[in-house]
Amino acid sequence: MASISLKNVSVSFPIYGAGSASLKKTLAASVTGGRFGKETGVTVVQALSGLNLELKSGDRLGLVGHNGAGKSTLLRTLAGVYEPSAGEFTRQGSVASLIDPALGIEMDATGIENIMLRGLVMGMSMKEIERLTPDICEFSGLGEYVNMPVRTYSTGMMMRLAFSISTSVEADILLMDEWLSVGDAAFTEKAEKRMRDVVSKSGILVLASHSPDLIAKECNRVIHMEHGRIVEA
């Protein structure tokens, strides 16, 4: 049974080697939207502050808020990318992260090599990667390009590969930063169907979006975030 629990969770990032004044200017519009403080002489960005959240199977949670409200930071925390600096975070179930499907794609590696590398990062075994590789290649529609370096791909081809890999495995918990767009009209219809299948089979969905219509359509719970805090749930 999928579940997520955050109890008074905070995430902070220490910043080294930068003066406070220049740091504030540089990060004023940063995606964290966090506040600045000092800990033992080190400037700290407080990205998330005292979050309490309980999710169970069947929950479809929408994250809303301005740019820099902390939505993406929360998604990355739920994915295990960021470690809480305070509080208690527990998670039950496998996770699929569609926060940035192209993140981690190695440009000098071939499509096939990227399937293996990305699969390992996603926690797949080599046997599972070998089993899924033919389906991933077929779904991507890249043909012989899967044997060529990704740096030779167009942007649309690279997104097709990344999307095909990221949506190849069913997961208990699905994390998304906006609804995926693969930027390729010929690929859009089957990508939308695949996306619907992945969402329907997930136990928990957490979706960050600026689209009220999308949130209303996909989610049964909504939280509003401001400056790394939940201000309305």
Protein backbone atom coordinates (compact mmCIF):
# COMPACT_ATOMS: atom_id res chain seq x y z
CA MET A 1 0.00 0.00 0.00
CA ALA A 2 1.51 3.32 -1.10
CA SER A 3 1.90 6.05 1.50
CA ILE A 4 3.83 9.28 2.14
CA SER A 5 4.27 10.99 5.49
CA LEU A 6 5.97 14.32 6.22
CA LYS A 7 6.10 15.50 9.82
CA ASN A 8 7.47 18.99 10.35
CA VAL A 9 9.87 18.53 7.42
CA SER A 10 12.26 21.33 6.45
CA VAL A 11 14.88 21.47 3.71
CA SER A 12 17.73 23.96 3.74
CA PHE A 13 20.73 24.47 1.48
CA PRO A 14 24.01 25.86 2.86
CA ILE A 15 25.76 28.15 0.38
CA TYR A 16 29.54 28.35 0.59
CA GLY A 17 32.00 30.75 -0.99
CA ALA A 18 29.62 33.62 -1.73
CA GLY A 19 29.10 36.95 -0.03
CA SER A 20 25.70 37.49 1.51
CA ALA A 21 24.82 40.57 -0.55
CA SER A 22 25.71 39.04 -3.90
CA LEU A 23 24.05 35.79 -2.93
CA LYS A 24 20.76 37.48 -2.15
CA LYS A 25 20.86 39.30 -5.46
CA THR A 26 21.68 36.13 -7.37
CA LEU A 27 19.06 33.94 -5.72
CA ALA A 28 16.27 36.48 -5.29
CA ALA A 29 14.28 34.81 -8.07
CA SER A 30 15.53 31.27 -7.49
CA VAL A 31 13.21 28.31 -7.82
CA THR A 32 13.38 27.55 -4.12
CA GLY A 33 11.68 30.77 -3.12
CA GLY A 34 13.35 30.22 0.20
CA ARG A 35 14.43 32.59 2.94
CA PHE A 36 18.00 33.42 3.84
CA GLY A 37 19.65 32.94 7.18
CA LYS A 38 22.99 32.31 8.84
CA GLU A 39 24.16 29.13 10.50
CA THR A 40 27.64 29.29 12.05
CA GLY A 41 28.64 31.95 9.56
CA VAL A 42 27.36 30.07 6.49
CA THR A 43 24.53 31.52 4.42
CA VAL A 44 21.56 29.13 4.31
CA VAL A 45 18.59 29.08 1.94
CA GLN A 46 15.51 27.74 3.74
CA ALA A 47 13.69 26.03 0.86
CA LEU A 48 10.96 24.18 2.79
CA SER A 49 9.77 24.95 6.33
CA GLY A 50 7.80 22.74 8.70
CA LEU A 51 5.74 20.76 6.17
CA ASN A 52 3.15 18.28 7.44
CA LEU A 53 1.54 16.01 4.87
CA GLU A 54 -0.06 12.55 4.85
CA LEU A 55 -0.89 10.74 1.59
CA LYS A 56 -2.35 7.28 1.04
CA SER A 57 -3.23 5.14 -1.96
CA GLY A 58 -5.92 6.83 -4.05
CA ASP A 59 -4.73 10.36 -3.30
CA ARG A 60 -4.19 12.67 -6.28
CA LEU A 61 -2.49 15.74 -4.83
CA GLY A 62 -2.12 19.00 -6.72
CA LEU A 63 0.61 21.46 -5.73
CA VAL A 64 -0.13 25.09 -6.59
CA GLY A 65 1.70 28.33 -5.93
CA HIS A 66 3.79 31.01 -7.61
CA ASN A 67 7.20 30.34 -9.13
CA GLY A 68 9.58 29.81 -6.24
CA ALA A 69 6.86 28.65 -3.83
CA GLY A 70 8.71 25.38 -3.20
CA LYS A 71 6.65 22.98 -5.36
CA SER A 72 9.61 21.53 -7.26
CA THR A 73 11.69 21.32 -4.08
CA LEU A 74 8.91 19.34 -2.42
CA LEU A 75 8.68 16.99 -5.40
CA ARG A 76 12.44 16.41 -5.28
CA THR A 77 12.24 15.74 -1.56
CA LEU A 78 9.48 13.19 -2.11
CA ALA A 79 11.62 11.59 -4.83
CA GLY A 80 14.57 11.31 -2.45
CA VAL A 81 16.77 13.78 -4.34
CA TYR A 82 16.88 16.18 -1.37
CA GLU A 83 17.35 15.02 2.21
CA PRO A 84 15.26 16.82 4.86
CA SER A 85 17.39 18.96 7.16
CA ALA A 86 14.76 18.57 9.91
CA GLY A 87 11.63 16.56 10.57
CA GLU A 88 10.57 13.04 9.65
CA PHE A 89 9.92 11.76 6.11
CA THR A 90 8.70 8.23 5.42
CA ARG A 91 7.57 6.70 2.13
CA GLN A 92 6.14 3.30 1.23
CA GLY A 93 6.09 2.09 -2.37
CA SER A 94 8.09 2.40 -5.57
CA VAL A 95 8.51 5.85 -7.10
CA ALA A 96 8.47 7.13 -10.69
CA SER A 97 9.72 10.67 -11.06
CA LEU A 98 8.62 12.65 -14.10
CA ILE A 99 9.88 15.93 -12.68
CA ASP A 100 12.33 16.32 -15.57
CA PRO A 101 12.42 13.22 -17.79
CA ALA A 102 15.48 14.46 -19.71
CA LEU A 103 17.51 15.00 -16.54
CA GLY A 104 20.52 12.68 -16.48
CA ILE A 105 20.51 11.88 -20.19
CA GLU A 106 24.14 11.40 -21.26
CA MET A 107 24.62 13.24 -24.54
CA ASP A 108 27.69 11.27 -25.68
CA ALA A 109 26.08 7.88 -24.96
CA THR A 110 23.83 6.11 -27.45
CA GLY A 111 20.09 5.76 -26.96
CA ILE A 112 20.56 2.11 -25.93
CA GLU A 113 23.26 3.06 -23.44
CA ASN A 114 21.02 5.77 -21.99
CA ILE A 115 18.23 3.24 -21.50
CA MET A 116 20.61 1.15 -19.41
CA LEU A 117 22.03 4.11 -17.47
CA ARG A 118 18.64 5.68 -16.77
CA GLY A 119 17.19 2.29 -15.85
CA LEU A 120 19.90 1.75 -13.26
CA VAL A 121 19.28 5.22 -11.80
CA MET A 122 15.56 4.38 -11.60
CA GLY A 123 16.42 1.28 -9.56
CA MET A 124 15.89 -1.38 -12.23
CA SER A 125 17.91 -4.57 -12.32
CA MET A 126 19.92 -5.40 -15.44
CA LYS A 127 17.48 -8.23 -16.17
CA GLU A 128 14.55 -5.81 -16.01
CA ILE A 129 16.35 -3.30 -18.23
CA GLU A 130 17.07 -6.00 -20.82
CA ARG A 131 13.43 -7.07 -20.74
CA LEU A 132 12.09 -3.54 -21.21
CA THR A 133 14.64 -2.25 -23.75
CA PRO A 134 12.88 -3.59 -26.90
CA ASP A 135 9.55 -2.03 -25.84
CA ILE A 136 11.23 1.29 -24.99
CA CYS A 137 12.98 1.37 -28.37
CA GLU A 138 9.76 0.54 -30.22
CA PHE A 139 7.67 3.09 -28.33
CA SER A 140 10.24 5.87 -28.91
CA GLY A 141 10.02 5.35 -32.67
CA LEU A 142 13.69 6.28 -33.07
CA GLY A 143 14.61 3.31 -35.26
CA GLU A 144 18.34 2.96 -35.86
CA TYR A 145 18.96 6.25 -34.05
CA VAL A 146 18.87 4.31 -30.76
CA ASN A 147 22.37 3.11 -31.67
CA MET A 148 23.67 6.65 -32.24
CA PRO A 149 24.88 9.22 -29.67
CA VAL A 150 22.09 11.35 -28.23
CA ARG A 151 24.04 14.50 -29.22
CA THR A 152 23.02 13.70 -32.81
CA TYR A 153 19.29 13.81 -31.87
CA SER A 154 16.92 16.70 -32.33
CA THR A 155 15.29 18.05 -29.16
CA GLY A 156 12.08 16.19 -30.02
CA MET A 157 13.94 12.90 -30.48
CA MET A 158 15.72 13.28 -27.17
CA MET A 159 12.42 13.99 -25.37
CA ARG A 160 10.85 10.93 -27.01
CA LEU A 161 13.66 8.75 -25.70
CA ALA A 162 13.53 10.27 -22.20
CA PHE A 163 9.72 9.97 -22.04
CA SER A 164 9.79 6.37 -23.25
CA ILE A 165 12.29 5.40 -20.56
CA SER A 166 10.61 7.33 -17.74
CA THR A 167 7.16 5.85 -18.39
CA SER A 168 8.31 2.26 -18.99
CA VAL A 169 7.80 1.11 -15.40
CA GLU A 170 4.65 1.08 -13.28
CA ALA A 171 5.12 2.71 -9.88
CA ASP A 172 3.14 3.06 -6.66
CA ILE A 173 3.94 6.79 -6.43
CA LEU A 174 4.08 9.12 -9.44
CA LEU A 175 5.67 12.59 -9.12
CA MET A 176 5.14 15.15 -11.90
CA ASP A 177 6.14 18.77 -12.46
CA GLU A 178 3.52 19.93 -14.98
CA TRP A 179 1.91 17.56 -17.48
CA LEU A 180 4.54 16.15 -19.81
CA SER A 181 4.83 17.55 -23.31
CA VAL A 182 7.19 15.72 -25.63
CA GLY A 183 7.27 18.50 -28.23
CA ASP A 184 6.62 16.17 -31.17
CA ALA A 185 3.19 16.29 -32.80
CA ALA A 186 3.49 12.83 -34.36
CA PHE A 187 4.30 11.34 -30.93
CA THR A 188 1.73 13.25 -28.89
CA GLU A 189 -1.30 10.95 -29.23
CA LYS A 190 0.34 7.74 -28.06
CA ALA A 191 2.35 9.65 -25.43
CA GLU A 192 -0.90 11.03 -23.98
CA LYS A 193 -2.37 7.51 -23.84
CA ARG A 194 0.78 6.19 -22.15
CA MET A 195 0.64 9.07 -19.67
CA ARG A 196 -2.97 8.30 -18.82
CA ASP A 197 -2.11 4.64 -18.26
CA VAL A 198 0.80 5.50 -15.97
CA VAL A 199 -1.34 7.90 -13.90
CA SER A 200 -4.27 5.49 -13.61
CA LYS A 201 -2.05 2.65 -12.40
CA SER A 202 -0.22 4.71 -9.76
CA GLY A 203 -1.38 4.54 -6.15
CA ILE A 204 -0.46 8.15 -5.38
CA LEU A 205 -0.06 11.07 -7.80
CA VAL A 206 1.62 14.33 -6.80
CA LEU A 207 1.33 16.93 -9.57
CA ALA A 208 2.71 20.48 -9.50
CA SER A 209 1.09 22.79 -12.03
CA HIS A 210 0.17 26.39 -12.82
CA SER A 211 -2.98 25.20 -14.62
CA PRO A 212 -6.13 25.34 -12.44
CA ASP A 213 -8.02 23.30 -15.05
CA LEU A 214 -5.42 20.52 -15.01
CA ILE A 215 -5.36 20.43 -11.21
CA ALA A 216 -9.16 20.29 -11.06
CA LYS A 217 -9.23 17.50 -13.65
CA GLU A 218 -6.50 15.27 -12.24
CA CYS A 219 -6.48 15.87 -8.48
CA ASN A 220 -8.78 15.14 -5.53
CA ARG A 221 -6.67 17.13 -3.05
CA VAL A 222 -4.88 20.47 -3.41
CA ILE A 223 -2.32 22.31 -1.30
CA HIS A 224 -1.22 25.91 -1.82
CA MET A 225 2.42 26.76 -1.15
CA GLU A 226 4.17 30.06 -0.50
CA HIS A 227 7.85 30.54 0.30
CA GLY A 228 8.40 26.89 1.16
CA ARG A 229 5.35 26.55 3.41
CA ILE A 230 1.89 25.02 3.04
CA VAL A 231 -0.50 27.94 3.48
CA GLU A 232 -3.75 26.20 2.53
CA ALA A 233 -4.76 22.54 2.26
